[in-house]
C-alpha atoms as a PDB file:
ATOM      1  CA  UNK A   1      68.998 119.747 164.167  1.00  0.00           C
ATOM      2  CA  UNK A   2      66.455 117.001 164.850  1.00  0.00           C
ATOM      3  CA  UNK A   3      67.732 113.544 165.502  1.00  0.00           C
ATOM      4  CA  UNK A   4      66.549 110.802 163.167  1.00  0.00           C
ATOM      5  CA  UNK A   5      64.713 107.906 164.800  1.00  0.00           C
ATOM      6  CA  UNK A   6      66.953 104.936 165.504  1.00  0.00           C
ATOM      7  CA  UNK A   7      66.185 101.841 163.489  1.00  0.00           C
ATOM      8  CA  UNK A   8      65.522  98.683 165.419  1.00  0.00           C
ATOM      9  CA  UNK A   9      68.172  96.079 164.674  1.00  0.00           C
ATOM     10  CA  UNK A  10      66.289  93.320 162.909  1.00  0.00           C
ATOM     11  CA  UNK A  11      69.117  90.774 163.115  1.00  0.00           C
ATOM     12  CA  UNK A  12      70.085  88.674 166.131  1.00  0.00           C
ATOM     13  CA  UNK A  13      73.147  90.394 167.551  1.00  0.00           C
ATOM     14  CA  UNK A  14      75.063  87.265 168.518  1.00  0.00           C
ATOM     15  CA  UNK A  15      74.112  85.117 165.524  1.00  0.00           C
ATOM     16  CA  UNK A  16      76.532  84.347 162.682  1.00  0.00           C
ATOM     17  CA  UNK A  17      74.455  84.754 159.511  1.00  0.00           C
ATOM     18  CA  UNK A  18      77.109  82.954 157.460  1.00  0.00           C
ATOM     19  CA  UNK A  19      76.776  79.712 159.417  1.00  0.00           C
ATOM     20  CA  UNK A  20      74.998  76.641 158.096  1.00  0.00           C
ATOM     21  CA  UNK A  21      71.266  77.074 158.294  1.00  0.00           C
ATOM     22  CA  UNK A  22      67.954  77.661 156.590  1.00  0.00           C
ATOM     23  CA  UNK A  23      66.594  81.178 156.287  1.00  0.00           C
ATOM     24  CA  UNK A  24      63.231  82.625 155.267  1.00  0.00           C
ATOM     25  CA  UNK A  25      63.690  85.980 153.554  1.00  0.00           C
ATOM     26  CA  UNK A  26      61.192  88.667 152.557  1.00  0.00           C
ATOM     27  CA  UNK A  27      62.354  91.594 150.430  1.00  0.00           C
ATOM     28  CA  UNK A  28      59.958  94.458 149.725  1.00  0.00           C
ATOM     29  CA  UNK A  29      59.727  97.071 147.016  1.00  0.00           C
ATOM     30  CA  UNK A  30      59.982 100.668 148.213  1.00  0.00           C
ATOM     31  CA  UNK A  31      56.556 102.138 149.020  1.00  0.00           C
ATOM     32  CA  UNK A  32      54.965  98.730 148.247  1.00  0.00           C
ATOM     33  CA  UNK A  33      54.777  99.606 144.559  1.00  0.00           C
ATOM     34  CA  UNK A  34      53.695  96.605 142.415  1.00  0.00           C
ATOM     35  CA  UNK A  35      56.719  96.633 140.103  1.00  0.00           C
ATOM     36  CA  UNK A  36      57.448  92.906 139.825  1.00  0.00           C
ATOM     37  CA  UNK A  37      54.192  91.540 138.416  1.00  0.00           C
ATOM     38  CA  UNK A  38      51.480  92.977 136.210  1.00  0.00           C
ATOM     39  CA  UNK A  39      48.587  93.585 138.556  1.00  0.00           C
ATOM     40  CA  UNK A  40      44.961  94.024 137.668  1.00  0.00           C
ATOM     41  CA  UNK A  41      44.108  90.582 136.386  1.00  0.00           C
ATOM     42  CA  UNK A  42      42.389  88.427 138.986  1.00  0.00           C
ATOM     43  CA  UNK A  43      44.785  85.517 138.653  1.00  0.00           C
ATOM     44  CA  UNK A  44      47.095  84.055 141.287  1.00  0.00           C
ATOM     45  CA  UNK A  45      50.311  84.645 139.362  1.00  0.00           C
ATOM     46  CA  UNK A  46      50.047  87.559 136.973  1.00  0.00           C
ATOM     47  CA  UNK A  47      52.883  87.790 134.429  1.00  0.00           C
ATOM     48  CA  UNK A  48      56.233  89.164 135.541  1.00  0.00           C
ATOM     49  CA  UNK A  49      57.111  92.687 134.460  1.00  0.00           C
ATOM     50  CA  UNK A  50      60.510  93.333 132.868  1.00  0.00           C
ATOM     51  CA  UNK A  51      61.794  94.264 136.334  1.00  0.00           C
ATOM     52  CA  UNK A  52      60.272  91.042 137.666  1.00  0.00           C
ATOM     53  CA  UNK A  53      62.075  89.021 134.973  1.00  0.00           C
ATOM     54  CA  UNK A  54      65.405  90.670 135.836  1.00  0.00           C
ATOM     55  CA  UNK A  55      64.730  89.982 139.509  1.00  0.00           C
ATOM     56  CA  UNK A  56      63.889  86.328 138.872  1.00  0.00           C
ATOM     57  CA  UNK A  57      67.028  85.843 136.794  1.00  0.00           C
ATOM     58  CA  UNK A  58      69.097  87.395 139.574  1.00  0.00           C
ATOM     59  CA  UNK A  59      67.453  85.225 142.241  1.00  0.00           C
ATOM     60  CA  UNK A  60      68.116  82.030 140.295  1.00  0.00           C
ATOM     61  CA  UNK A  61      71.777  83.061 139.905  1.00  0.00           C
ATOM     62  CA  UNK A  62      72.342  83.234 143.678  1.00  0.00           C
ATOM     63  CA  UNK A  63      73.685  79.631 143.908  1.00  0.00           C
ATOM     64  CA  UNK A  64      75.967  80.287 140.919  1.00  0.00           C
ATOM     65  CA  UNK A  65      77.426  83.427 142.509  1.00  0.00           C
ATOM     66  CA  UNK A  66      77.569  81.840 145.958  1.00  0.00           C
ATOM     67  CA  UNK A  67      78.186  78.062 145.830  1.00  0.00           C
ATOM     68  CA  UNK A  68      77.624  77.807 149.602  1.00  0.00           C
ATOM     69  CA  UNK A  69      74.062  79.139 149.198  1.00  0.00           C
ATOM     70  CA  UNK A  70      71.195  76.977 147.986  1.00  0.00           C
ATOM     71  CA  UNK A  71      67.956  78.506 146.738  1.00  0.00           C
ATOM     72  CA  UNK A  72      65.272  76.150 147.994  1.00  0.00           C
ATOM     73  CA  UNK A  73      62.014  77.961 147.175  1.00  0.00           C
ATOM     74  CA  UNK A  74      60.949  81.432 146.142  1.00  0.00           C
ATOM     75  CA  UNK A  75      57.967  83.375 144.934  1.00  0.00           C
ATOM     76  CA  UNK A  76      57.887  86.779 143.299  1.00  0.00           C
ATOM     77  CA  UNK A  77      54.811  88.703 144.303  1.00  0.00           C
ATOM     78  CA  UNK A  78      53.846  92.066 142.743  1.00  0.00           C
ATOM     79  CA  UNK A  79      55.685  94.099 145.383  1.00  0.00           C
ATOM     80  CA  UNK A  80      57.769  91.669 147.428  1.00  0.00           C
ATOM     81  CA  UNK A  81      59.718  88.431 147.280  1.00  0.00           C
ATOM     82  CA  UNK A  82      59.783  85.435 149.605  1.00  0.00           C
ATOM     83  CA  UNK A  83      62.686  82.973 149.567  1.00  0.00           C
ATOM     84  CA  UNK A  84      64.072  80.072 151.506  1.00  0.00           C
ATOM     85  CA  UNK A  85      67.856  79.989 151.358  1.00  0.00           C
ATOM     86  CA  UNK A  86      70.194  77.388 152.807  1.00  0.00           C
ATOM     87  CA  UNK A  87      73.745  78.324 153.690  1.00  0.00           C
ATOM     88  CA  UNK A  88      75.885  75.206 153.736  1.00  0.00           C
ATOM     89  CA  UNK A  89      79.516  74.491 154.444  1.00  0.00           C
ATOM     90  CA  UNK A  90      80.714  73.493 151.024  1.00  0.00           C
ATOM     91  CA  UNK A  91      83.993  72.131 152.391  1.00  0.00           C
ATOM     92  CA  UNK A  92      86.122  74.891 150.911  1.00  0.00           C
ATOM     93  CA  UNK A  93      88.500  77.100 152.842  1.00  0.00           C
ATOM     94  CA  UNK A  94      86.592  80.218 151.820  1.00  0.00           C
ATOM     95  CA  UNK A  95      83.922  81.275 154.276  1.00  0.00           C
ATOM     96  CA  UNK A  96      80.285  81.338 153.262  1.00  0.00           C
ATOM     97  CA  UNK A  97      78.861  84.807 152.648  1.00  0.00           C
ATOM     98  CA  UNK A  98      76.572  86.354 155.216  1.00  0.00           C
ATOM     99  CA  UNK A  99      72.879  86.483 154.483  1.00  0.00           C
ATOM    100  CA  UNK A 100      73.094  90.289 154.265  1.00  0.00           C
ATOM    101  CA  UNK A 101      75.853  90.041 151.654  1.00  0.00           C
ATOM    102  CA  UNK A 102      73.795  87.700 149.486  1.00  0.00           C
ATOM    103  CA  UNK A 103      70.627  89.830 149.675  1.00  0.00           C
ATOM    104  CA  UNK A 104      72.413  93.165 149.250  1.00  0.00           C
ATOM    105  CA  UNK A 105      74.332  91.837 146.226  1.00  0.00           C
ATOM    106  CA  UNK A 106      71.090  90.525 144.712  1.00  0.00           C
ATOM    107  CA  UNK A 107      69.349  93.863 145.235  1.00  0.00           C
ATOM    108  CA  UNK A 108      72.404  95.702 143.892  1.00  0.00           C
ATOM    109  CA  UNK A 109      72.539  93.565 140.750  1.00  0.00           C
ATOM    110  CA  UNK A 110      68.871  94.265 139.974  1.00  0.00           C
ATOM    111  CA  UNK A 111      69.399  97.981 140.664  1.00  0.00           C
ATOM    112  CA  UNK A 112      72.356  98.083 138.267  1.00  0.00           C
ATOM    113  CA  UNK A 113      70.370  96.275 135.551  1.00  0.00           C
ATOM    114  CA  UNK A 114      67.386  98.638 135.696  1.00  0.00           C
ATOM    115  CA  UNK A 115      69.298 101.843 136.468  1.00  0.00           C
ATOM    116  CA  UNK A 116      67.690 102.799 139.793  1.00  0.00           C
ATOM    117  CA  UNK A 117      66.852 101.275 143.149  1.00  0.00           C
ATOM    118  CA  UNK A 118      63.384  99.893 143.736  1.00  0.00           C
ATOM    119  CA  UNK A 119      64.096  98.270 147.090  1.00  0.00           C
ATOM    120  CA  UNK A 120      63.130  99.025 150.643  1.00  0.00           C
ATOM    121  CA  UNK A 121      66.350  99.507 152.639  1.00  0.00           C
ATOM    122  CA  UNK A 122      66.190  96.425 154.840  1.00  0.00           C
ATOM    123  CA  UNK A 123      64.828  92.916 154.478  1.00  0.00           C
ATOM    124  CA  UNK A 124      63.065  90.524 156.814  1.00  0.00           C
ATOM    125  CA  UNK A 125      64.715  87.264 157.802  1.00  0.00           C
ATOM    126  CA  UNK A 126      63.665  84.363 159.945  1.00  0.00           C
ATOM    127  CA  UNK A 127      66.030  81.587 160.964  1.00  0.00           C
ATOM    128  CA  UNK A 128      64.258  78.307 160.222  1.00  0.00           C
ATOM    129  CA  UNK A 129      64.864  76.211 163.317  1.00  0.00           C
ATOM    130  CA  UNK A 130      63.181  72.865 162.642  1.00  0.00           C
ATOM    131  CA  UNK A 131      61.282  70.775 160.097  1.00  0.00           C
ATOM    132  CA  UNK A 132      57.817  71.987 161.200  1.00  0.00           C
ATOM    133  CA  UNK A 133      58.941  75.600 160.840  1.00  0.00           C
ATOM    134  CA  UNK A 134      60.372  74.810 157.400  1.00  0.00           C
ATOM    135  CA  UNK A 135      57.182  73.061 156.223  1.00  0.00           C
ATOM    136  CA  UNK A 136      54.973  75.911 157.470  1.00  0.00           C
ATOM    137  CA  UNK A 137      57.088  78.520 155.651  1.00  0.00           C
ATOM    138  CA  UNK A 138      57.369  76.415 152.486  1.00  0.00           C
ATOM    139  CA  UNK A 139      53.561  76.119 152.406  1.00  0.00           C
ATOM    140  CA  UNK A 140      53.173  79.853 153.044  1.00  0.00           C
ATOM    141  CA  UNK A 141      55.417  80.657 150.055  1.00  0.00           C
ATOM    142  CA  UNK A 142      53.615  78.109 147.907  1.00  0.00           C
ATOM    143  CA  UNK A 143      50.149  79.450 148.738  1.00  0.00           C
ATOM    144  CA  UNK A 144      50.992  83.165 148.905  1.00  0.00           C
ATOM    145  CA  UNK A 145      50.105  84.019 145.276  1.00  0.00           C
ATOM    146  CA  UNK A 146      46.572  82.644 145.648  1.00  0.00           C
ATOM    147  CA  UNK A 147      46.094  84.810 148.739  1.00  0.00           C
ATOM    148  CA  UNK A 148      47.535  88.010 147.246  1.00  0.00           C
ATOM    149  CA  UNK A 149      44.492  90.181 147.958  1.00  0.00           C
ATOM    150  CA  UNK A 150      44.612  89.145 151.624  1.00  0.00           C
ATOM    151  CA  UNK A 151      48.381  89.669 151.863  1.00  0.00           C
ATOM    152  CA  UNK A 152      49.645  92.352 154.253  1.00  0.00           C
ATOM    153  CA  UNK A 153      51.719  93.781 151.373  1.00  0.00           C
ATOM    154  CA  UNK A 154      48.689  94.036 149.050  1.00  0.00           C
ATOM    155  CA  UNK A 155      48.338  97.384 147.339  1.00  0.00           C
ATOM    156  CA  UNK A 156      46.728  98.174 144.007  1.00  0.00           C
END
């Protein structure tokens, strides 16, 4: 029996992903399929598909489901999502969820709504460490739709 390749751990091993902080998240659709927006039109933000609308609704519900998590900025691209999330100590005895819990629950909710999984297994995260880092990422998210054809996730 051949051994499967070992996945590289894409999280910092000694970092508590439920602690206060700002996080840049990228979640991709399996096989880079453009399922979230209607592609073809040469406009920066083509209309959301039905799956895209379900995804957006689920994203905007994150702070409702997790009061210790603030959704700062997001963009839904045709085949991936970028978000900035803040995890904050809300002063309650209950611990904040981990970043993985929040993202996996979001992906699971969308999967349940549409009846099958569309997601790549993992997600990319970057711990935002300072204001310059935050401003650079915020601008990247803001400008990403206009640069879709140059995006590394572009496929049509």
